[in-house]
Amino acid sequence: QVQFVESGGGLVQPGGSLRLSCAASGFTFSTYAMSWYRQALGKERELVASISSTSGVTNYADSVKGRFTISRDNAKNMLYLRMDSLKPEDTSVYYCNTRSLVSPFTSWGQGTQVTVSS
């Protein structure tokens, strides 16, 4: 079965940095474009960043462009998100999944909480 396990979140002050990790299993990771999503309390899920299957193309939401960097290691089935210059509005639960979200990628991991506060 498809599984995503996110980690690396925590409490950080504005301007700080975090590195999120996602361990993926149950599918051929290297053939899928992957994304980081986030969902803040009371808000809809938002696409944060995406990366192509071979890391050749990346895309970012305007709100995080220049501050976040998505990367992947296909040999390890790992997806990463480096977050710099964090802002309070980045506070959210962060999830990883495929970019397509089509079956069988219809379930979500537990996510990892990022809280940016002074």
PDB file of N, CA and C in Angstrom:
ATOM      1  N   GLN A   1       0.825  -1.184   0.000  1.00  0.00           N
ATOM      2  CA  GLN A   1       0.000   0.000   0.000  1.00  0.00           C
ATOM      3  C   GLN A   1       0.873   1.252   0.000  1.00  0.00           C
ATOM      4  N   VAL A   2       0.329   2.289  -0.595  1.00  0.00           N
ATOM      5  CA  VAL A   2       1.038   3.561  -0.650  1.00  0.00           C
ATOM      6  C   VAL A   2       1.114   4.158   0.746  1.00  0.00           C
ATOM      7  N   GLN A   3       2.280   4.679   1.087  1.00  0.00           N
ATOM      8  CA  GLN A   3       2.454   5.284   2.399  1.00  0.00           C
ATOM      9  C   GLN A   3       3.403   6.471   2.310  1.00  0.00           C
ATOM     10  N   PHE A   4       3.057   7.525   3.039  1.00  0.00           N
ATOM     11  CA  PHE A   4       3.904   8.700   3.172  1.00  0.00           C
ATOM     12  C   PHE A   4       4.097   8.989   4.655  1.00  0.00           C
ATOM     13  N   VAL A   5       5.332   9.194   5.060  1.00  0.00           N
ATOM     14  CA  VAL A   5       5.641   9.514   6.440  1.00  0.00           C
ATOM     15  C   VAL A   5       6.441  10.804   6.463  1.00  0.00           C
ATOM     16  N   GLU A   6       5.803  11.867   6.926  1.00  0.00           N
ATOM     17  CA  GLU A   6       6.430  13.184   6.985  1.00  0.00           C
ATOM     18  C   GLU A   6       7.086  13.399   8.349  1.00  0.00           C
ATOM     19  N   SER A   7       8.176  14.143   8.354  1.00  0.00           N
ATOM     20  CA  SER A   7       8.870  14.442   9.595  1.00  0.00           C
ATOM     21  C   SER A   7       9.650  15.738   9.438  1.00  0.00           C
ATOM     22  N   GLY A   8      10.144  16.255  10.544  1.00  0.00           N
ATOM     23  CA  GLY A   8      11.013  17.414  10.530  1.00  0.00           C
ATOM     24  C   GLY A   8      10.387  18.716  10.971  1.00  0.00           C
ATOM     25  N   GLY A   9       9.083  18.720  11.199  1.00  0.00           N
ATOM     26  CA  GLY A   9       8.431  19.938  11.632  1.00  0.00           C
ATOM     27  C   GLY A   9       8.769  20.285  13.063  1.00  0.00           C
ATOM     28  N   GLY A  10       8.298  21.448  13.482  1.00  0.00           N
ATOM     29  CA  GLY A  10       8.549  21.893  14.836  1.00  0.00           C
ATOM     30  C   GLY A  10       8.191  23.349  15.011  1.00  0.00           C
ATOM     31  N   LEU A  11       8.566  23.884  16.152  1.00  0.00           N
ATOM     32  CA  LEU A  11       8.341  25.285  16.484  1.00  0.00           C
ATOM     33  C   LEU A  11       9.601  26.079  16.174  1.00  0.00           C
ATOM     34  N   VAL A  12       9.448  27.152  15.425  1.00  0.00           N
ATOM     35  CA  VAL A  12      10.591  27.967  15.033  1.00  0.00           C
ATOM     36  C   VAL A  12      10.185  29.434  15.052  1.00  0.00           C
ATOM     37  N   GLN A  13      11.135  30.305  15.332  1.00  0.00           N
ATOM     38  CA  GLN A  13      10.869  31.739  15.329  1.00  0.00           C
ATOM     39  C   GLN A  13      10.842  32.288  13.909  1.00  0.00           C
ATOM     40  N   PRO A  14      10.140  33.394  13.693  1.00  0.00           N
ATOM     41  CA  PRO A  14      10.172  34.021  12.372  1.00  0.00           C
ATOM     42  C   PRO A  14      11.605  34.259  11.914  1.00  0.00           C
ATOM     43  N   GLY A  15      11.856  33.974  10.639  1.00  0.00           N
ATOM     44  CA  GLY A  15      13.195  34.081  10.094  1.00  0.00           C
ATOM     45  C   GLY A  15      14.017  32.819  10.208  1.00  0.00           C
ATOM     46  N   GLY A  16      13.524  31.845  10.931  1.00  0.00           N
ATOM     47  CA  GLY A  16      14.233  30.602  11.113  1.00  0.00           C
ATOM     48  C   GLY A  16      14.072  29.653   9.946  1.00  0.00           C
ATOM     49  N   SER A  17      14.656  28.465  10.098  1.00  0.00           N
ATOM     50  CA  SER A  17      14.661  27.471   9.031  1.00  0.00           C
ATOM     51  C   SER A  17      14.282  26.098   9.558  1.00  0.00           C
ATOM     52  N   LEU A  18      13.718  25.293   8.685  1.00  0.00           N
ATOM     53  CA  LEU A  18      13.418  23.900   8.961  1.00  0.00           C
ATOM     54  C   LEU A  18      13.632  23.102   7.688  1.00  0.00           C
ATOM     55  N   ARG A  19      13.899  21.808   7.848  1.00  0.00           N
ATOM     56  CA  ARG A  19      13.988  20.894   6.730  1.00  0.00           C
ATOM     57  C   ARG A  19      13.024  19.749   6.963  1.00  0.00           C
ATOM     58  N   LEU A  20      12.043  19.629   6.088  1.00  0.00           N
ATOM     59  CA  LEU A  20      11.067  18.564   6.176  1.00  0.00           C
ATOM     60  C   LEU A  20      11.491  17.381   5.314  1.00  0.00           C
ATOM     61  N   SER A  21      11.149  16.188   5.769  1.00  0.00           N
ATOM     62  CA  SER A  21      11.442  14.971   5.028  1.00  0.00           C
ATOM     63  C   SER A  21      10.174  14.158   4.841  1.00  0.00           C
ATOM     64  N   CYS A  22      10.112  13.436   3.751  1.00  0.00           N
ATOM     65  CA  CYS A  22       8.992  12.548   3.459  1.00  0.00           C
ATOM     66  C   CYS A  22       9.547  11.226   2.961  1.00  0.00           C
ATOM     67  N   ALA A  23       9.245  10.162   3.674  1.00  0.00           N
ATOM     68  CA  ALA A  23       9.610   8.818   3.256  1.00  0.00           C
ATOM     69  C   ALA A  23       8.420   8.186   2.556  1.00  0.00           C
ATOM     70  N   ALA A  24       8.597   7.824   1.304  1.00  0.00           N
ATOM     71  CA  ALA A  24       7.523   7.263   0.493  1.00  0.00           C
ATOM     72  C   ALA A  24       7.759   5.778   0.256  1.00  0.00           C
ATOM     73  N   SER A  25       6.681   5.019   0.186  1.00  0.00           N
ATOM     74  CA  SER A  25       6.791   3.590  -0.064  1.00  0.00           C
ATOM     75  C   SER A  25       5.504   3.075  -0.697  1.00  0.00           C
ATOM     76  N   GLY A  26       5.584   1.889  -1.279  1.00  0.00           N
ATOM     77  CA  GLY A  26       4.413   1.238  -1.838  1.00  0.00           C
ATOM     78  C   GLY A  26       4.156   1.535  -3.304  1.00  0.00           C
ATOM     79  N   PHE A  27       5.057   2.247  -3.951  1.00  0.00           N
ATOM     80  CA  PHE A  27       4.921   2.549  -5.380  1.00  0.00           C
ATOM     81  C   PHE A  27       6.287   2.877  -5.949  1.00  0.00           C
ATOM     82  N   THR A  28       6.345   2.995  -7.265  1.00  0.00           N
ATOM     83  CA  THR A  28       7.610   3.308  -7.919  1.00  0.00           C
ATOM     84  C   THR A  28       7.841   4.809  -7.837  1.00  0.00           C
ATOM     85  N   PHE A  29       8.476   5.215  -6.772  1.00  0.00           N
ATOM     86  CA  PHE A  29       8.648   6.625  -6.435  1.00  0.00           C
ATOM     87  C   PHE A  29       9.274   7.428  -7.568  1.00  0.00           C
ATOM     88  N   SER A  30      10.272   6.854  -8.209  1.00  0.00           N
ATOM     89  CA  SER A  30      11.063   7.598  -9.188  1.00  0.00           C
ATOM     90  C   SER A  30      10.303   7.971 -10.451  1.00  0.00           C
ATOM     91  N   THR A  31       9.122   7.408 -10.666  1.00  0.00           N
ATOM     92  CA  THR A  31       8.360   7.696 -11.877  1.00  0.00           C
ATOM     93  C   THR A  31       7.274   8.755 -11.676  1.00  0.00           C
ATOM     94  N   TYR A  32       7.139   9.280 -10.476  1.00  0.00           N
ATOM     95  CA  TYR A  32       6.072  10.225 -10.180  1.00  0.00           C
ATOM     96  C   TYR A  32       6.602  11.603  -9.812  1.00  0.00           C
ATOM     97  N   ALA A  33       5.975  12.627 -10.371  1.00  0.00           N
ATOM     98  CA  ALA A  33       6.185  13.974  -9.862  1.00  0.00           C
ATOM     99  C   ALA A  33       5.619  14.049  -8.443  1.00  0.00           C
ATOM    100  N   MET A  34       6.325  14.721  -7.571  1.00  0.00           N
ATOM    101  CA  MET A  34       5.943  14.789  -6.169  1.00  0.00           C
ATOM    102  C   MET A  34       5.724  16.225  -5.735  1.00  0.00           C
ATOM    103  N   SER A  35       4.944  16.379  -4.675  1.00  0.00           N
ATOM    104  CA  SER A  35       4.620  17.712  -4.181  1.00  0.00           C
ATOM    105  C   SER A  35       4.576  17.741  -2.667  1.00  0.00           C
ATOM    106  N   TRP A  36       4.790  18.928  -2.138  1.00  0.00           N
ATOM    107  CA  TRP A  36       4.480  19.250  -0.755  1.00  0.00           C
ATOM    108  C   TRP A  36       3.207  20.086  -0.735  1.00  0.00           C
ATOM    109  N   TYR A  37       2.321  19.742   0.177  1.00  0.00           N
ATOM    110  CA  TYR A  37       1.085  20.468   0.399  1.00  0.00           C
ATOM    111  C   TYR A  37       1.048  20.935   1.848  1.00  0.00           C
ATOM    112  N   ARG A  38       0.237  21.933   2.111  1.00  0.00           N
ATOM    113  CA  ARG A  38       0.033  22.336   3.491  1.00  0.00           C
ATOM    114  C   ARG A  38      -1.421  22.723   3.704  1.00  0.00           C
ATOM    115  N   GLN A  39      -1.862  22.565   4.936  1.00  0.00           N
ATOM    116  CA  GLN A  39      -3.214  22.932   5.295  1.00  0.00           C
ATOM    117  C   GLN A  39      -3.196  23.574   6.677  1.00  0.00           C
ATOM    118  N   ALA A  40      -3.484  24.856   6.700  1.00  0.00           N
ATOM    119  CA  ALA A  40      -3.567  25.583   7.954  1.00  0.00           C
ATOM    120  C   ALA A  40      -4.948  25.407   8.559  1.00  0.00           C
ATOM    121  N   LEU A  41      -5.045  25.632   9.850  1.00  0.00           N
ATOM    122  CA  LEU A  41      -6.309  25.484  10.555  1.00  0.00           C
ATOM    123  C   LEU A  41      -7.376  26.362   9.924  1.00  0.00           C
ATOM    124  N   GLY A  42      -8.489  25.749   9.551  1.00  0.00           N
ATOM    125  CA  GLY A  42      -9.598  26.482   8.980  1.00  0.00           C
ATOM    126  C   GLY A  42      -9.448  26.865   7.527  1.00  0.00           C
ATOM    127  N   LYS A  43      -8.401  26.398   6.862  1.00  0.00           N
ATOM    128  CA  LYS A  43      -8.166  26.738   5.467  1.00  0.00           C
ATOM    129  C   LYS A  43      -8.102  25.484   4.604  1.00  0.00           C
ATOM    130  N   GLU A  44      -8.240  25.670   3.310  1.00  0.00           N
ATOM    131  CA  GLU A  44      -8.146  24.558   2.378  1.00  0.00           C
ATOM    132  C   GLU A  44      -6.694  24.147   2.163  1.00  0.00           C
ATOM    133  N   ARG A  45      -6.518  22.923   1.715  1.00  0.00           N
ATOM    134  CA  ARG A  45      -5.188  22.434   1.405  1.00  0.00           C
ATOM    135  C   ARG A  45      -4.595  23.226   0.250  1.00  0.00           C
ATOM    136  N   GLU A  46      -3.317  23.544   0.352  1.00  0.00           N
ATOM    137  CA  GLU A  46      -2.627  24.383  -0.605  1.00  0.00           C
ATOM    138  C   GLU A  46      -1.407  23.655  -1.158  1.00  0.00           C
ATOM    139  N   LEU A  47      -1.206  23.728  -2.451  1.00  0.00           N
ATOM    140  CA  LEU A  47       0.002  23.194  -3.077  1.00  0.00           C
ATOM    141  C   LEU A  47       1.152  24.153  -2.830  1.00  0.00           C
ATOM    142  N   VAL A  48       2.219  23.661  -2.238  1.00  0.00           N
ATOM    143  CA  VAL A  48       3.353  24.494  -1.864  1.00  0.00           C
ATOM    144  C   VAL A  48       4.469  24.433  -2.892  1.00  0.00           C
ATOM    145  N   ALA A  49       4.843  23.225  -3.294  1.00  0.00           N
ATOM    146  CA  ALA A  49       5.966  23.041  -4.208  1.00  0.00           C
ATOM    147  C   ALA A  49       5.852  21.692  -4.879  1.00  0.00           C
ATOM    148  N   SER A  50       6.374  21.585  -6.085  1.00  0.00           N
ATOM    149  CA  SER A  50       6.368  20.335  -6.836  1.00  0.00           C
ATOM    150  C   SER A  50       7.715  20.124  -7.496  1.00  0.00           C
ATOM    151  N   ILE A  51       8.016  18.865  -7.754  1.00  0.00           N
ATOM    152  CA  ILE A  51       9.263  18.511  -8.410  1.00  0.00           C
ATOM    153  C   ILE A  51       9.002  17.360  -9.368  1.00  0.00           C
ATOM    154  N   SER A  52       9.587  17.422 -10.541  1.00  0.00           N
ATOM    155  CA  SER A  52       9.408  16.381 -11.536  1.00  0.00           C
ATOM    156  C   SER A  52      10.110  15.098 -11.108  1.00  0.00           C
ATOM    157  N   SER A  53       9.827  14.023 -11.813  1.00  0.00           N
ATOM    158  CA  SER A  53      10.312  12.714 -11.397  1.00  0.00           C
ATOM    159  C   SER A  53      11.830  12.616 -11.332  1.00  0.00           C
ATOM    160  N   THR A  54      12.517  13.354 -12.192  1.00  0.00           N
ATOM    161  CA  THR A  54      13.981  13.311 -12.230  1.00  0.00           C
ATOM    162  C   THR A  54      14.625  14.581 -11.695  1.00  0.00           C
ATOM    163  N   SER A  55      13.874  15.409 -11.018  1.00  0.00           N
ATOM    164  CA  SER A  55      14.339  16.652 -10.395  1.00  0.00           C
ATOM    165  C   SER A  55      14.665  17.755 -11.394  1.00  0.00           C
ATOM    166  N   GLY A  56      14.275  17.580 -12.646  1.00  0.00           N
ATOM    167  CA  GLY A  56      14.618  18.564 -13.653  1.00  0.00           C
ATOM    168  C   GLY A  56      13.800  19.846 -13.605  1.00  0.00           C
ATOM    169  N   VAL A  57      12.593  19.765 -13.058  1.00  0.00           N
ATOM    170  CA  VAL A  57      11.692  20.901 -13.036  1.00  0.00           C
ATOM    171  C   VAL A  57      11.100  21.035 -11.644  1.00  0.00           C
ATOM    172  N   THR A  58      11.107  22.246 -11.115  1.00  0.00           N
ATOM    173  CA  THR A  58      10.466  22.538  -9.840  1.00  0.00           C
ATOM    174  C   THR A  58       9.521  23.711  -9.996  1.00  0.00           C
ATOM    175  N   ASN A  59       8.485  23.731  -9.177  1.00  0.00           N
ATOM    176  CA  ASN A  59       7.518  24.817  -9.163  1.00  0.00           C
ATOM    177  C   ASN A  59       7.155  25.139  -7.731  1.00  0.00           C
ATOM    178  N   TYR A  60       6.888  26.414  -7.475  1.00  0.00           N
ATOM    179  CA  TYR A  60       6.592  26.871  -6.126  1.00  0.00           C
ATOM    180  C   TYR A  60       5.406  27.814  -6.126  1.00  0.00           C
ATOM    181  N   ALA A  61       4.641  27.750  -5.061  1.00  0.00           N
ATOM    182  CA  ALA A  61       3.625  28.765  -4.851  1.00  0.00           C
ATOM    183  C   ALA A  61       4.298  30.119  -4.689  1.00  0.00           C
ATOM    184  N   ASP A  62       3.639  31.165  -5.160  1.00  0.00           N
ATOM    185  CA  ASP A  62       4.224  32.499  -5.067  1.00  0.00           C
ATOM    186  C   ASP A  62       4.565  32.877  -3.627  1.00  0.00           C
ATOM    187  N   SER A  63       3.787  32.392  -2.694  1.00  0.00           N
ATOM    188  CA  SER A  63       3.981  32.758  -1.302  1.00  0.00           C
ATOM    189  C   SER A  63       5.271  32.218  -0.705  1.00  0.00           C
ATOM    190  N   VAL A  64       5.856  31.185  -1.316  1.00  0.00           N
ATOM    191  CA  VAL A  64       7.071  30.577  -0.777  1.00  0.00           C
ATOM    192  C   VAL A  64       8.256  30.681  -1.721  1.00  0.00           C
ATOM    193  N   LYS A  65       8.047  31.184  -2.905  1.00  0.00           N
ATOM    194  CA  LYS A  65       9.107  31.272  -3.903  1.00  0.00           C
ATOM    195  C   LYS A  65      10.281  32.090  -3.374  1.00  0.00           C
ATOM    196  N   GLY A  66      11.474  31.550  -3.536  1.00  0.00           N
ATOM    197  CA  GLY A  66      12.673  32.206  -3.052  1.00  0.00           C
ATOM    198  C   GLY A  66      13.039  31.853  -1.634  1.00  0.00           C
ATOM    199  N   ARG A  67      12.134  31.221  -0.901  1.00  0.00           N
ATOM    200  CA  ARG A  67      12.380  30.852   0.485  1.00  0.00           C
ATOM    201  C   ARG A  67      12.435  29.344   0.692  1.00  0.00           C
ATOM    202  N   PHE A  68      11.660  28.599  -0.084  1.00  0.00           N
ATOM    203  CA  PHE A  68      11.587  27.143   0.051  1.00  0.00           C
ATOM    204  C   PHE A  68      12.283  26.475  -1.123  1.00  0.00           C
ATOM    205  N   THR A  69      12.859  25.301  -0.882  1.00  0.00           N
ATOM    206  CA  THR A  69      13.495  24.516  -1.925  1.00  0.00           C
ATOM    207  C   THR A  69      13.066  23.063  -1.809  1.00  0.00           C
ATOM    208  N   ILE A  70      12.459  22.534  -2.859  1.00  0.00           N
ATOM    209  CA  ILE A  70      12.052  21.138  -2.882  1.00  0.00           C
ATOM    210  C   ILE A  70      13.143  20.312  -3.563  1.00  0.00           C
ATOM    211  N   SER A  71      13.368  19.109  -3.067  1.00  0.00           N
ATOM    212  CA  SER A  71      14.344  18.210  -3.667  1.00  0.00           C
ATOM    213  C   SER A  71      13.917  16.772  -3.414  1.00  0.00           C
ATOM    214  N   ARG A  72      14.563  15.843  -4.101  1.00  0.00           N
ATOM    215  CA  ARG A  72      14.233  14.438  -3.917  1.00  0.00           C
ATOM    216  C   ARG A  72      15.472  13.582  -4.112  1.00  0.00           C
ATOM    217  N   ASP A  73      15.437  12.405  -3.528  1.00  0.00           N
ATOM    218  CA  ASP A  73      16.479  11.406  -3.695  1.00  0.00           C
ATOM    219  C   ASP A  73      15.775  10.123  -4.103  1.00  0.00           C
ATOM    220  N   ASN A  74      15.754   9.853  -5.388  1.00  0.00           N
ATOM    221  CA  ASN A  74      15.017   8.697  -5.887  1.00  0.00           C
ATOM    222  C   ASN A  74      15.607   7.373  -5.407  1.00  0.00           C
ATOM    223  N   ALA A  75      16.904   7.335  -5.170  1.00  0.00           N
ATOM    224  CA  ALA A  75      17.529   6.111  -4.684  1.00  0.00           C
ATOM    225  C   ALA A  75      17.060   5.751  -3.282  1.00  0.00           C
ATOM    226  N   LYS A  76      16.618   6.756  -2.527  1.00  0.00           N
ATOM    227  CA  LYS A  76      16.175   6.543  -1.158  1.00  0.00           C
ATOM    228  C   LYS A  76      14.667   6.697  -0.980  1.00  0.00           C
ATOM    229  N   ASN A  77      13.943   6.949  -2.056  1.00  0.00           N
ATOM    230  CA  ASN A  77      12.500   7.195  -1.987  1.00  0.00           C
ATOM    231  C   ASN A  77      12.177   8.302  -0.986  1.00  0.00           C
ATOM    232  N   MET A  78      12.927   9.390  -1.069  1.00  0.00           N
ATOM    233  CA  MET A  78      12.776  10.487  -0.128  1.00  0.00           C
ATOM    234  C   MET A  78      12.479  11.791  -0.853  1.00  0.00           C
ATOM    235  N   LEU A  79      11.620  12.583  -0.266  1.00  0.00           N
ATOM    236  CA  LEU A  79      11.291  13.924  -0.721  1.00  0.00           C
ATOM    237  C   LEU A  79      11.607  14.890   0.411  1.00  0.00           C
ATOM    238  N   TYR A  80      12.148  16.053   0.068  1.00  0.00           N
ATOM    239  CA  TYR A  80      12.563  17.024   1.076  1.00  0.00           C
ATOM    240  C   TYR A  80      12.002  18.405   0.772  1.00  0.00           C
ATOM    241  N   LEU A  81      11.884  19.206   1.813  1.00  0.00           N
ATOM    242  CA  LEU A  81      11.525  20.611   1.657  1.00  0.00           C
ATOM    243  C   LEU A  81      12.367  21.427   2.621  1.00  0.00           C
ATOM    244  N   ARG A  82      13.275  22.203   2.063  1.00  0.00           N
ATOM    245  CA  ARG A  82      14.060  23.133   2.863  1.00  0.00           C
ATOM    246  C   ARG A  82      13.311  24.452   2.947  1.00  0.00           C
ATOM    247  N   MET A  83      13.058  24.915   4.147  1.00  0.00           N
ATOM    248  CA  MET A  83      12.290  26.124   4.370  1.00  0.00           C
ATOM    249  C   MET A  83      13.166  27.134   5.101  1.00  0.00           C
ATOM    250  N   ASP A  84      13.407  28.253   4.467  1.00  0.00           N
ATOM    251  CA  ASP A  84      14.202  29.332   5.040  1.00  0.00           C
ATOM    252  C   ASP A  84      13.341  30.576   5.197  1.00  0.00           C
ATOM    253  N   SER A  85      13.817  31.502   6.007  1.00  0.00           N
ATOM    254  CA  SER A  85      13.131  32.777   6.219  1.00  0.00           C
ATOM    255  C   SER A  85      11.652  32.574   6.530  1.00  0.00           C
ATOM    256  N   LEU A  86      11.382  31.686   7.452  1.00  0.00           N
ATOM    257  CA  LEU A  86      10.004  31.317   7.758  1.00  0.00           C
ATOM    258  C   LEU A  86       9.224  32.490   8.335  1.00  0.00           C
ATOM    259  N   LYS A  87       7.947  32.527   7.976  1.00  0.00           N
ATOM    260  CA  LYS A  87       7.030  33.564   8.401  1.00  0.00           C
ATOM    261  C   LYS A  87       5.883  32.943   9.185  1.00  0.00           C
ATOM    262  N   PRO A  88       5.235  33.715  10.037  1.00  0.00           N
ATOM    263  CA  PRO A  88       4.089  33.168  10.774  1.00  0.00           C
ATOM    264  C   PRO A  88       3.026  32.560   9.863  1.00  0.00           C
ATOM    265  N   GLU A  89       2.826  33.130   8.686  1.00  0.00           N
ATOM    266  CA  GLU A  89       1.831  32.606   7.771  1.00  0.00           C
ATOM    267  C   GLU A  89       2.202  31.260   7.166  1.00  0.00           C
ATOM    268  N   ASP A  90       3.430  30.789   7.389  1.00  0.00           N
ATOM    269  CA  ASP A  90       3.817  29.447   6.976  1.00  0.00           C
ATOM    270  C   ASP A  90       3.332  28.388   7.960  1.00  0.00           C
ATOM    271  N   THR A  91       2.815  28.806   9.088  1.00  0.00           N
ATOM    272  CA  THR A  91       2.307  27.866  10.081  1.00  0.00           C
ATOM    273  C   THR A  91       1.223  26.995   9.466  1.00  0.00           C
ATOM    274  N   SER A  92       1.423  25.683   9.517  1.00  0.00           N
ATOM    275  CA  SER A  92       0.501  24.760   8.873  1.00  0.00           C
ATOM    276  C   SER A  92       0.948  23.338   9.157  1.00  0.00           C
ATOM    277  N   VAL A  93       0.107  22.395   8.793  1.00  0.00           N
ATOM    278  CA  VAL A  93       0.508  20.999   8.731  1.00  0.00           C
ATOM    279  C   VAL A  93       0.944  20.722   7.303  1.00  0.00           C
ATOM    280  N   TYR A  94       2.134  20.180   7.144  1.00  0.00           N
ATOM    281  CA  TYR A  94       2.709  19.942   5.828  1.00  0.00           C
ATOM    282  C   TYR A  94       2.635  18.459   5.482  1.00  0.00           C
ATOM    283  N   TYR A  95       2.201  18.174   4.259  1.00  0.00           N
ATOM    284  CA  TYR A  95       2.032  16.813   3.768  1.00  0.00           C
ATOM    285  C   TYR A  95       2.782  16.628   2.454  1.00  0.00           C
ATOM    286  N   CYS A  96       3.173  15.400   2.177  1.00  0.00           N
ATOM    287  CA  CYS A  96       3.703  15.079   0.855  1.00  0.00           C
ATOM    288  C   CYS A  96       2.777  14.098   0.159  1.00  0.00           C
ATOM    289  N   ASN A  97       2.793  14.140  -1.159  1.00  0.00           N
ATOM    290  CA  ASN A  97       2.017  13.229  -1.972  1.00  0.00           C
ATOM    291  C   ASN A  97       2.462  13.413  -3.411  1.00  0.00           C
ATOM    292  N   THR A  98       1.911  12.595  -4.302  1.00  0.00           N
ATOM    293  CA  THR A  98       2.162  12.815  -5.716  1.00  0.00           C
ATOM    294  C   THR A  98       1.511  14.114  -6.154  1.00  0.00           C
ATOM    295  N   ARG A  99       1.975  14.639  -7.270  1.00  0.00           N
ATOM    296  CA  ARG A  99       1.358  15.843  -7.792  1.00  0.00           C
ATOM    297  C   ARG A  99      -0.026  15.558  -8.361  1.00  0.00           C
ATOM    298  N   SER A 100      -0.212  14.372  -8.907  1.00  0.00           N
ATOM    299  CA  SER A 100      -1.468  14.042  -9.578  1.00  0.00           C
ATOM    300  C   SER A 100      -2.623  13.774  -8.620  1.00  0.00           C
ATOM    301  N   LEU A 101      -2.339  13.146  -7.494  1.00  0.00           N
ATOM    302  CA  LEU A 101      -3.332  12.768  -6.491  1.00  0.00           C
ATOM    303  C   LEU A 101      -4.380  11.790  -7.026  1.00  0.00           C
ATOM    304  N   VAL A 102      -4.102  11.144  -8.129  1.00  0.00           N
ATOM    305  CA  VAL A 102      -5.034  10.150  -8.655  1.00  0.00           C
ATOM    306  C   VAL A 102      -4.819   8.825  -7.941  1.00  0.00           C
ATOM    307  N   SER A 103      -5.839   7.954  -8.019  1.00  0.00           N
ATOM    308  CA  SER A 103      -5.744   6.640  -7.401  1.00  0.00           C
ATOM    309  C   SER A 103      -4.474   5.930  -7.845  1.00  0.00           C
ATOM    310  N   PRO A 104      -3.735   5.295  -6.931  1.00  0.00           N
ATOM    311  CA  PRO A 104      -4.071   5.000  -5.537  1.00  0.00           C
ATOM    312  C   PRO A 104      -3.602   6.054  -4.533  1.00  0.00           C
ATOM    313  N   PHE A 105      -3.286   7.259  -4.988  1.00  0.00           N
ATOM    314  CA  PHE A 105      -2.720   8.286  -4.116  1.00  0.00           C
ATOM    315  C   PHE A 105      -3.809   9.180  -3.548  1.00  0.00           C
ATOM    316  N   THR A 106      -4.790   8.549  -2.940  1.00  0.00           N
ATOM    317  CA  THR A 106      -5.956   9.262  -2.431  1.00  0.00           C
ATOM    318  C   THR A 106      -5.978   9.375  -0.919  1.00  0.00           C
ATOM    319  N   SER A 107      -4.980   8.829  -0.258  1.00  0.00           N
ATOM    320  CA  SER A 107      -4.870   8.930   1.187  1.00  0.00           C
ATOM    321  C   SER A 107      -3.645   9.757   1.555  1.00  0.00           C
ATOM    322  N   TRP A 108      -3.695  10.314   2.755  1.00  0.00           N
ATOM    323  CA  TRP A 108      -2.643  11.205   3.214  1.00  0.00           C
ATOM    324  C   TRP A 108      -1.963  10.663   4.455  1.00  0.00           C
ATOM    325  N   GLY A 109      -0.696  11.002   4.615  1.00  0.00           N
ATOM    326  CA  GLY A 109       0.019  10.656   5.820  1.00  0.00           C
ATOM    327  C   GLY A 109      -0.425  11.511   6.988  1.00  0.00           C
ATOM    328  N   GLN A 110       0.285  11.387   8.089  1.00  0.00           N
ATOM    329  CA  GLN A 110      -0.085  12.142   9.283  1.00  0.00           C
ATOM    330  C   GLN A 110       0.304  13.613   9.188  1.00  0.00           C
ATOM    331  N   GLY A 111       1.199  13.938   8.269  1.00  0.00           N
ATOM    332  CA  GLY A 111       1.687  15.293   8.148  1.00  0.00           C
ATOM    333  C   GLY A 111       2.655  15.642   9.264  1.00  0.00           C
ATOM    334  N   THR A 112       3.300  16.790   9.125  1.00  0.00           N
ATOM    335  CA  THR A 112       4.184  17.278  10.174  1.00  0.00           C
ATOM    336  C   THR A 112       3.873  18.750  10.430  1.00  0.00           C
ATOM    337  N   GLN A 113       3.718  19.089  11.687  1.00  0.00           N
ATOM    338  CA  GLN A 113       3.299  20.431  12.082  1.00  0.00           C
ATOM    339  C   GLN A 113       4.471  21.394  12.058  1.00  0.00           C
ATOM    340  N   VAL A 114       4.285  22.502  11.381  1.00  0.00           N
ATOM    341  CA  VAL A 114       5.245  23.607  11.392  1.00  0.00           C
ATOM    342  C   VAL A 114       4.562  24.807  12.028  1.00  0.00           C
ATOM    343  N   THR A 115       5.156  25.310  13.089  1.00  0.00           N
ATOM    344  CA  THR A 115       4.621  26.476  13.772  1.00  0.00           C
ATOM    345  C   THR A 115       5.697  27.555  13.807  1.00  0.00           C
ATOM    346  N   VAL A 116       5.386  28.708  13.244  1.00  0.00           N
ATOM    347  CA  VAL A 116       6.313  29.831  13.194  1.00  0.00           C
ATOM    348  C   VAL A 116       5.750  30.923  14.091  1.00  0.00           C
ATOM    349  N   SER A 117       6.406  31.157  15.198  1.00  0.00           N
ATOM    350  CA  SER A 117       5.896  32.094  16.185  1.00  0.00           C
ATOM    351  C   SER A 117       7.032  32.617  17.050  1.00  0.00           C
ATOM    352  N   SER A 118       6.911  33.866  17.452  1.00  0.00           N
ATOM    353  CA  SER A 118       7.871  34.461  18.361  1.00  0.00           C
ATOM    354  C   SER A 118       7.440  34.322  19.815  1.00  0.00           C
TER     355      SER A 118
END
